[in-house]
Each structure stands twice: as structure tokens, then as C-alpha cells.
Amino acid sequence: MQSETRSYQYGWYWIGLLVLLLGGVYALRLFLGSSGIGWPVGENASYFLQLRSLRGTEAVCVGAALAVGGVALQVLLRNPLAEPYILGLSSGAAVGVMCQMLIGFDLGIMLHLGVFSGKLDFLIEALSNHLGALVGSLVSLIIVYLIGQRKGVIDPLGLLLVGVILSSINGSIIMLINYLPSPAGLREDLARWMMGYLHESLPVSTVWTICVITGIGIAILWTLAGDMDAATFPSEEAHSLGVRLKRLRIILFVIAGMLASGAVVLAGPVAFVGLVCPHVARLLVGPTHIRVIPASALCGAILILVADCFSTWIDILTNRGRLPIGIFTAVIGGISFLWLLRPQLGRSNS
């Protein structure tokens, strides 16, 4: 036990190293672009630099949101295999996007009607183009929340089952819509969306709005780190420590859904980030959530940035366009998770 405690005493040093690593990868991202490798020069240098920095910011936001969302769900469900993808938010967002494309109408226009006109223009402009994804995610979130509770208390197992079932239902809806007459290119856009793809055409206001919302969500979870530590104990022990589990589970559920929804708007459904990064963080800094939350956010941001750098590098070599980052996160995440499991295999009987 003492050796385990000593191994985690340098947790904040690991977090510092992760910050430095994130800065280095972000700087590398600024040297990579469709125009080639190197710092942008010439008349359009500022434009290319802004494009690369915006894409890098998206990657950081998406990775941090998914990783911290995974931490929240693993505490909520008391299941180390939980992640935002399990809530059905990603498939719900895809349904929302398809419906918005099919009806061919910017849903944000409706928000300009009535008393909100002129008062929420900034938020409306930031989110209206992707309101379908947000609506789909939030509808899935509400359904999972309403069904996944028992007598007003969130049931971890029920939440898990409802999320899996809802993902299957959303998948069926997507296949049904694919059979309907659709605008040209809809199927191709959806296929790329479902594999996870950082959008370069997003308005700056959209990116920064989601970044701010993500930062607020992560900050709230960080202030609840002590309660999250206690929530990993049996319910009786958590209650004896003064933790209001019902309130905490609602907060964890809502914030995890909010983080996942923002990530889906920026990059579509990206799997494995919320599963692998919290495990890596715990290996580095220990199980205390006051360190696990920032370490997970940094690991997630680094993973998505590395995936985007690799995708851009492939584009430079082949000139066939960027591959979706979801392909790389699945490969990197799957291999990493198998590597993490390897030392634990065969220990149950020891």
C-alpha cells in the first residue's frame, strides 16, 4: 500500500508533463496543414495559421470533453467501461443531423421568433447551423434520464441498458432515413460524420461557445472531485461521508451529456477517448479525482491532437483528403486499452 502511495505522489508532476506535451503537440499541429509542412508564409499565411489553430482548438476541446465525460460516467455507473458513447448521444446527434438535412431548414431561424429576437443572437448564430445535433443529443439524454431511473433515483445498471438500447433504436432510424429520398451527398456526409471528423467550416463563434461550455462543465466536476471519490465507495459509506448521491448522480449525468453533446457538434461521434484516457490518467496520477479530472482532460486533448496530426500528415502524403479522426482514435484507443489490460490478465486467481 505504501509503495502504491509513493508511486502516486508525483501525480501533479505528471500533470505538468502532460501540459508540456500538449503544448508541444499543439505547436506541431500549427506546422501541419493541407498546404504542406512548415510555418505558413506568404499572402495567406495568417488565414492558414488561423485555420490550423482553430482546428487544433477543436481537437483540444473534443478530447477534453470526451475524456472528462468518461470520468463522470464511470463514477456515475461504477463501471470502468462506461463512456459518453454509451448514452446514445452520438447516434442521437446523427439522427438530428439527418433530420435537419432532410427538411432543408436552418432550425436556428425558429429561435429568432418572439421575445428572443435580438437578445440571444450570438448564441443562436453559434449553434443554429448544428442545432440538429444538439437537439438529437439532448432528446437522447432526456430519454435515457427518464427511463434509466427507479423511484426518482438514477439506476446505474438501468442507465447502461437504456443507453445501449437507445443506440440500437437510433441506428435503426438512421438506416430507415437512408432509404428515404434525400438531398445529394447526404449519405456521404453522414458516413463521414459517423466516423468522427473535425469540421474546418465551423464559425469561430460556434467553436468558442462550445469551448466555454466545456470548460465550465469540467470546472464544475473538478469542484466535486471529493464527492466523486466518495461515490466510488458503497452507497452506505458514501452517505456516511455526507455525500448526497442522488444530487451528485444527476449533476454527473447532466454534465457528461453536455460535454458529449458539445464534442459531437464539433467532431461527430468519436469512440474510445472517454474509455481509455481516464484509465491512462489513473495509472499516472492515482485514483483521486482532483488529479484524475485534469489528467484525463489533458490525455484526451493530446490523443485527439495526435490523431488530427496523423490525419493531416496522411493527407499531405497522399493528397486524398483528411481521414476521419475516429478511425485513428479507435485504433489507438483499442491497442492502448489492450495494453492496459495485459498486466491485469490472470491476476484474479493470484
Foldseek 3Di string as FASTA:
>chain_A
DVVVVVLQPCLVVVLVVLVVLLVVLLVLLLQFDLVGGGQADDDCRVVSSVLSNLLLLLLLLLQLLFQLLLLLLCLLLVPLQDTLLLLLLQLLLLLLVQVCQAVVDQVLVVCCDDPCNPPCVLVSLLPRNSVSSVVSLVVSLVVLQVQQADPLFGHSVSSSVSSNVSNVVSVVSVVVSVPDDGDPPSVVVSVQQQLWAADSPRDPSNSVVLSVLSVVLLVVVLVCLVLSVLSSDPPVSSVVVVRPSRVSSVSSSVSSSSSNSSSSSRIRDAPLSNNQLLLVSCVNNNDRRNSSSSSSSSSRSSLSSVLQSVQSVVCNVPVPHGHHSSVVSCVVSVVSVVVSCVVVPPPPVD
